[in-house]
Protein backbone atom coordinates (compact mmCIF):
# COMPACT_ATOMS: atom_id res chain seq x y z
CA UNK A 1 -0.01 0.04 0.19
CA UNK A 2 2.97 2.27 0.62
CA UNK A 3 3.66 2.63 -3.36
CA UNK A 4 -0.10 3.09 -3.89
CA UNK A 5 -0.32 5.83 -1.36
CA UNK A 6 2.69 7.32 -3.28
CA UNK A 7 0.81 7.33 -6.49
CA UNK A 8 -2.27 8.75 -4.89
CA UNK A 9 -0.12 11.76 -3.27
CA UNK A 10 1.88 12.39 -6.53
CA UNK A 11 -0.39 12.29 -8.91
CA UNK A 12 -4.06 12.26 -7.71
CA UNK A 13 -6.46 9.62 -7.34
CA UNK A 14 -7.96 8.98 -11.10
CA UNK A 15 -11.34 7.96 -11.81
CA UNK A 16 -13.61 5.35 -10.79
CA UNK A 17 -14.85 2.56 -13.31
CA UNK A 18 -18.31 3.89 -13.69
CA UNK A 19 -16.83 7.46 -14.57
CA UNK A 20 -14.19 6.19 -17.01
CA UNK A 21 -17.09 3.71 -18.86
CA UNK A 22 -19.16 6.91 -18.96
CA UNK A 23 -16.57 9.23 -20.38
CA UNK A 24 -15.51 6.68 -23.22
CA UNK A 25 -19.11 5.99 -24.13
CA UNK A 26 -19.50 9.72 -24.66
CA UNK A 27 -16.41 9.82 -26.72
CA UNK A 28 -17.16 6.72 -28.79
CA UNK A 29 -20.67 8.17 -29.63
CA UNK A 30 -18.96 11.52 -30.93
CA UNK A 31 -16.01 9.62 -32.61
CA UNK A 32 -18.22 7.43 -34.63
CA UNK A 33 -19.29 10.68 -36.46
CA UNK A 34 -15.56 11.61 -37.66
CA UNK A 35 -14.72 10.70 -41.25
CA UNK A 36 -11.39 9.02 -41.90
CA UNK A 37 -9.57 11.49 -44.11
CA UNK A 38 -6.71 10.44 -46.73
CA UNK A 39 -4.35 12.53 -44.34
CA UNK A 40 -5.54 10.71 -41.17
CA UNK A 41 -5.29 7.30 -42.74
CA UNK A 42 -1.55 7.76 -44.16
CA UNK A 43 -0.66 9.34 -40.26
CA UNK A 44 -1.86 6.29 -38.99
CA UNK A 45 0.16 4.06 -41.08
CA UNK A 46 3.04 5.85 -39.71
CA UNK A 47 2.36 4.91 -36.40
CA UNK A 48 2.26 0.88 -36.76
CA UNK A 49 4.60 -1.58 -35.16
CA UNK A 50 4.05 -4.10 -37.67
CA UNK A 51 3.90 -7.09 -35.79
CA UNK A 52 4.66 -10.81 -36.06
CA UNK A 53 4.80 -12.78 -33.05
CA UNK A 54 3.75 -16.53 -34.27
CA UNK A 55 5.02 -19.58 -32.85
CA UNK A 56 6.09 -20.91 -36.20
CA UNK A 57 7.93 -17.66 -36.69
CA UNK A 58 11.50 -18.27 -38.50
CA UNK A 59 14.37 -16.32 -39.85
CA UNK A 60 12.22 -16.13 -43.39
CA UNK A 61 9.73 -14.38 -42.03
CA UNK A 62 12.22 -11.49 -40.88
CA UNK A 63 13.57 -11.35 -44.36
CA UNK A 64 10.15 -11.24 -45.55
CA UNK A 65 9.22 -8.71 -43.27
CA UNK A 66 12.15 -6.47 -43.73
CA UNK A 67 11.64 -7.09 -47.91
CA UNK A 68 8.05 -5.85 -48.14
CA UNK A 69 8.97 -2.77 -45.78
CA UNK A 70 12.31 -1.75 -48.01
CA UNK A 71 9.78 -2.12 -51.17
CA UNK A 72 7.07 0.13 -49.81
CA UNK A 73 8.47 3.65 -50.99
CA UNK A 74 8.56 2.25 -54.82
CA UNK A 75 5.22 0.44 -54.40
CA UNK A 76 3.25 2.86 -52.71
CA UNK A 77 4.54 6.40 -53.31
CA UNK A 78 3.54 9.01 -50.94
CA UNK A 79 2.21 6.41 -48.29
CA UNK A 80 4.64 6.79 -45.10
CA UNK A 81 6.75 3.71 -44.06
CA UNK A 82 5.46 1.90 -40.60
CA UNK A 83 7.15 3.13 -37.44
CA UNK A 84 8.95 -0.52 -36.78
CA UNK A 85 8.96 -3.84 -37.22
CA UNK A 86 8.19 -5.96 -33.97
CA UNK A 87 9.41 -9.64 -33.83
CA UNK A 88 10.54 -12.37 -31.23
CA UNK A 89 14.20 -12.20 -30.16
CA UNK A 90 15.69 -14.91 -32.34
CA UNK A 91 14.76 -12.58 -35.30
CA UNK A 92 15.99 -9.43 -34.39
CA UNK A 93 19.39 -9.93 -35.92
CA UNK A 94 18.42 -11.27 -39.25
CA UNK A 95 15.72 -8.32 -39.37
CA UNK A 96 18.66 -5.84 -38.83
CA UNK A 97 20.64 -7.05 -41.51
CA UNK A 98 17.90 -6.97 -44.43
CA UNK A 99 16.16 -4.07 -43.29
CA UNK A 100 17.19 -0.87 -45.19
CA UNK A 101 14.55 1.60 -44.59
CA UNK A 102 17.03 2.76 -41.38
CA UNK A 103 13.82 4.97 -40.04
CA UNK A 104 11.90 1.86 -39.25
CA UNK A 105 12.63 0.97 -36.00
CA UNK A 106 13.93 -2.59 -35.15
CA UNK A 107 11.54 -3.88 -32.22
CA UNK A 108 11.83 -7.07 -30.10
CA UNK A 109 9.77 -8.31 -27.31
CA UNK A 110 11.76 -9.54 -24.26
CA UNK A 111 11.73 -10.26 -20.85
CA UNK A 112 10.09 -13.59 -21.19
CA UNK A 113 6.98 -12.24 -23.20
CA UNK A 114 4.43 -12.92 -23.43
CA UNK A 115 4.01 -13.88 -19.74
CA UNK A 116 7.05 -12.45 -17.80
CA UNK A 117 6.97 -15.72 -15.97
CA UNK A 118 10.56 -16.84 -15.44
CA UNK A 119 13.54 -16.05 -13.32
CA UNK A 120 14.30 -12.42 -13.48
CA UNK A 121 18.12 -13.13 -14.34
CA UNK A 122 16.80 -14.71 -17.67
CA UNK A 123 14.53 -11.78 -18.27
CA UNK A 124 17.63 -9.46 -17.87
CA UNK A 125 20.22 -11.47 -19.75
CA UNK A 126 17.55 -11.58 -22.62
CA UNK A 127 16.98 -7.73 -22.85
CA UNK A 128 20.66 -7.30 -22.84
CA UNK A 129 21.45 -9.88 -25.36
CA UNK A 130 18.52 -8.11 -27.31
CA UNK A 131 20.56 -4.72 -27.07
CA UNK A 132 23.61 -6.62 -28.32
CA UNK A 133 21.91 -8.01 -31.30
CA UNK A 134 20.50 -4.83 -32.28
CA UNK A 135 17.29 -4.12 -30.92
CA UNK A 136 16.26 -0.35 -31.18
CA UNK A 137 13.09 -0.76 -29.15
CA UNK A 138 12.17 -3.78 -26.56
CA UNK A 139 8.72 -4.58 -25.66
CA UNK A 140 8.41 -6.23 -21.95
CA UNK A 141 5.57 -7.54 -19.93
CA UNK A 142 5.01 -5.92 -16.65
CA UNK A 143 5.07 -8.94 -13.98
CA UNK A 144 1.23 -9.27 -13.70
CA UNK A 145 1.15 -11.94 -11.16
CA UNK A 146 3.19 -10.15 -8.96
CA UNK A 147 1.06 -6.72 -9.44
CA UNK A 148 -2.11 -8.67 -8.79
CA UNK A 149 -0.43 -10.18 -5.63
CA UNK A 150 -0.02 -6.49 -4.42
CA UNK A 151 3.74 -6.83 -4.69
CA UNK A 152 4.04 -3.54 -6.35
CA UNK A 153 7.63 -2.43 -5.13
CA UNK A 154 8.74 -6.13 -6.26
CA UNK A 155 7.36 -5.22 -9.79
CA UNK A 156 8.90 -1.52 -9.72
CA UNK A 157 12.11 -3.07 -8.66
CA UNK A 158 12.22 -5.57 -11.59
CA UNK A 159 11.46 -2.87 -13.90
CA UNK A 160 13.92 -0.74 -12.72
CA UNK A 161 16.73 -3.60 -13.58
CA UNK A 162 15.67 -4.11 -16.69
CA UNK A 163 15.52 -0.25 -17.60
CA UNK A 164 19.28 -0.48 -16.57
CA UNK A 165 20.23 -3.39 -18.93
CA UNK A 166 18.21 -1.35 -21.62
CA UNK A 167 18.85 2.14 -21.14
CA UNK A 168 20.51 2.62 -24.80
CA UNK A 169 17.35 1.66 -26.24
CA UNK A 170 13.58 2.67 -26.19
CA UNK A 171 11.67 0.54 -23.48
CA UNK A 172 7.84 -0.23 -24.03
CA UNK A 173 6.03 -1.98 -20.75
CA UNK A 174 3.33 -3.90 -21.67
CA UNK A 175 0.36 -3.83 -18.73
CA UNK A 176 -1.72 -6.57 -19.99
CA UNK A 177 -4.89 -4.53 -18.85
CA UNK A 178 -7.15 -7.40 -19.90
CA UNK A 179 -5.94 -9.11 -16.53
CA UNK A 180 -6.21 -5.82 -14.71
CA UNK A 181 -9.77 -5.54 -12.81
CA UNK A 182 -9.97 -1.93 -12.01
CA UNK A 183 -9.35 1.53 -13.26
CA UNK A 184 -7.09 1.89 -10.25
CA UNK A 185 -5.19 -1.33 -11.28
CA UNK A 186 -4.58 -0.03 -14.58
CA UNK A 187 -3.39 3.49 -13.46
CA UNK A 188 -1.47 2.41 -10.63
CA UNK A 189 0.57 -0.07 -13.23
CA UNK A 190 0.95 2.91 -15.49
CA UNK A 191 2.43 4.54 -12.67
CA UNK A 192 4.94 1.76 -11.79
CA UNK A 193 6.19 1.54 -15.39
CA UNK A 194 6.72 5.33 -16.07
CA UNK A 195 8.43 5.51 -12.38
CA UNK A 196 10.72 2.56 -13.66
CA UNK A 197 11.57 4.80 -16.46
CA UNK A 198 9.43 3.35 -19.55
CA UNK A 199 9.52 5.25 -22.74
CA UNK A 200 6.18 3.56 -23.53
CA UNK A 201 3.14 2.04 -21.98
CA UNK A 202 1.60 -0.53 -23.94
CA UNK A 203 -1.81 -2.16 -23.44
CA UNK A 204 -1.62 -5.54 -24.37
CA UNK A 205 0.51 -8.56 -25.68
CA UNK A 206 -2.52 -9.75 -27.83
CA UNK A 207 -2.26 -13.24 -26.32
CA UNK A 208 -4.92 -12.42 -23.59
CA UNK A 209 -8.71 -11.29 -23.89
CA UNK A 210 -9.82 -8.84 -23.79
CA UNK A 211 -6.80 -6.75 -25.21
CA UNK A 212 -6.93 -2.92 -26.41
CA UNK A 213 -10.13 -1.27 -25.31
CA UNK A 214 -11.01 2.43 -25.28
CA UNK A 215 -11.22 2.13 -21.14
CA UNK A 216 -7.63 0.86 -20.67
CA UNK A 217 -6.40 3.67 -23.21
CA UNK A 218 -8.29 6.25 -21.54
CA UNK A 219 -7.24 5.75 -18.05
CA UNK A 220 -3.39 5.08 -19.46
CA UNK A 221 -3.80 8.49 -21.38
CA UNK A 222 -5.14 10.29 -18.06
CA UNK A 223 -1.99 8.50 -16.48
CA UNK A 224 0.27 9.80 -18.73
CA UNK A 225 -1.36 13.39 -18.44
CA UNK A 226 -0.87 13.27 -14.80
CA UNK A 227 2.79 11.73 -14.82
CA UNK A 228 3.69 14.43 -17.34
CA UNK A 229 2.11 17.36 -15.09
CA UNK A 230 3.74 16.25 -11.90
CA UNK A 231 7.29 15.43 -13.62
CA UNK A 232 7.73 17.50 -17.37
CA UNK A 233 8.37 13.54 -18.66
CA UNK A 234 6.43 12.69 -21.79
CA UNK A 235 5.77 9.02 -21.99
CA UNK A 236 4.40 7.38 -25.04
CA UNK A 237 1.41 5.27 -25.62
CA UNK A 238 0.79 1.94 -27.46
CA UNK A 239 -2.55 0.34 -27.67
CA UNK A 240 -2.20 -3.17 -28.94
CA UNK A 241 -3.95 -6.36 -29.36
CA UNK A 242 -6.80 -6.97 -31.54
CA UNK A 243 -6.83 -3.67 -33.67
CA UNK A 244 -7.08 -4.52 -37.38
CA UNK A 245 -9.32 -1.93 -39.02
CA UNK A 246 -8.86 1.93 -39.62
CA UNK A 247 -11.81 2.66 -37.75
CA UNK A 248 -10.87 1.01 -34.61
CA UNK A 249 -7.57 2.69 -34.39
CA UNK A 250 -9.03 6.02 -35.28
CA UNK A 251 -10.56 5.70 -31.97
CA UNK A 252 -7.37 5.44 -30.17
CA UNK A 253 -5.89 8.38 -32.16
CA UNK A 254 -8.84 10.76 -31.11
CA UNK A 255 -8.79 9.19 -27.88
CA UNK A 256 -4.97 10.32 -27.56
CA UNK A 257 -5.47 13.74 -29.25
CA UNK A 258 -8.29 14.44 -26.90
CA UNK A 259 -6.66 13.71 -23.68
CA UNK A 260 -3.08 14.18 -24.42
CA UNK A 261 -2.78 16.95 -27.20
CA UNK A 262 -1.47 17.01 -30.94
CA UNK A 263 2.52 16.69 -29.43
CA UNK A 264 1.49 13.16 -28.86
CA UNK A 265 0.24 12.43 -32.21
CA UNK A 266 3.90 11.01 -33.71
CA UNK A 267 5.98 7.95 -33.94
CA UNK A 268 7.80 9.52 -31.07
CA UNK A 269 4.90 8.99 -28.62
CA UNK A 270 2.05 7.06 -29.95
CA UNK A 271 2.40 3.57 -31.68
CA UNK A 272 -0.16 0.87 -32.64
CA UNK A 273 0.96 -2.77 -32.54
CA UNK A 274 -0.66 -4.58 -35.11
CA UNK A 275 -0.41 -7.18 -37.65
CA UNK A 276 -3.41 -6.82 -40.22
CA UNK A 277 -3.92 -3.34 -39.63
CA UNK A 278 -1.37 -2.03 -42.05
CA UNK A 279 -3.08 -4.03 -44.96
CA UNK A 280 -6.28 -2.38 -44.04
CA UNK A 281 -4.97 0.80 -44.16
CA UNK A 282 -3.40 0.17 -47.50
CA UNK A 283 -6.33 -1.31 -49.08
CA UNK A 284 -8.28 2.12 -48.00
CA UNK A 285 -5.79 4.52 -49.56
CA UNK A 286 -4.93 2.23 -52.54
CA UNK A 287 -7.72 -0.10 -53.47
CA UNK A 288 -5.18 -2.23 -55.44
CA UNK A 289 -2.71 -3.18 -52.73
CA UNK A 290 -4.17 -6.67 -51.79
CA UNK A 291 -2.75 -8.38 -49.04
CA UNK A 292 0.37 -7.00 -49.01
CA UNK A 293 1.72 -8.00 -45.83
């Protein structure tokens, strides 16, 4: 409880579940009336972490993702590149060798993704090795079991150690919000991640249900806003898990715009983790694109 009391004192209590649900319901009723312009669609493409996290992924998958992204400028003139490509640890070095579009980030999941259920020494070793293998960004899962058991200081200490071995790269902390039972739990998990030095907080691994939801992103964005007000540090936000259509991702884009403002609406502070979304946006912009990715 000591850490929770610290959060209450430093950042305020946040909102109750019923208030969050009412606010997001009101927002969604308005957001549905906003058209998706070509400009918004292009901006959304440039925020995607193109993700492949399948059990049967292998080196050829990394080479194929790199090839497709490398060819985007010649194949889709005027459409931005994705922000990053996200893969499992064994693929990151091969991805780095093949990816020629150097403005696209090399992203790997680490720290015993997707469960965070192994020895801390193994999580640290994996993250440290990912840095050596060329990962520019690492997405790790907050140890949800320890968090739900009330071991908040243990969770913070673990993330601080992970931050220490990843200090030269961007660190995203996945809260796995579908397993967190209240708005206050999502808020407190957000503050633990941010106080540990996370560059981004992320909703989900995509392996648990529900994954990204407007309620969760609303709570996280409000926590980011309150953390920024208290510390002056901007933290990024990454909705991920189950986001596949332009209309779905536009909801998160406008939600972040409403709560955090224009300066968050770029790839330095806003990402979308998705596998199918890029194809759907490409087809909305260029109907002959087909199943490109």
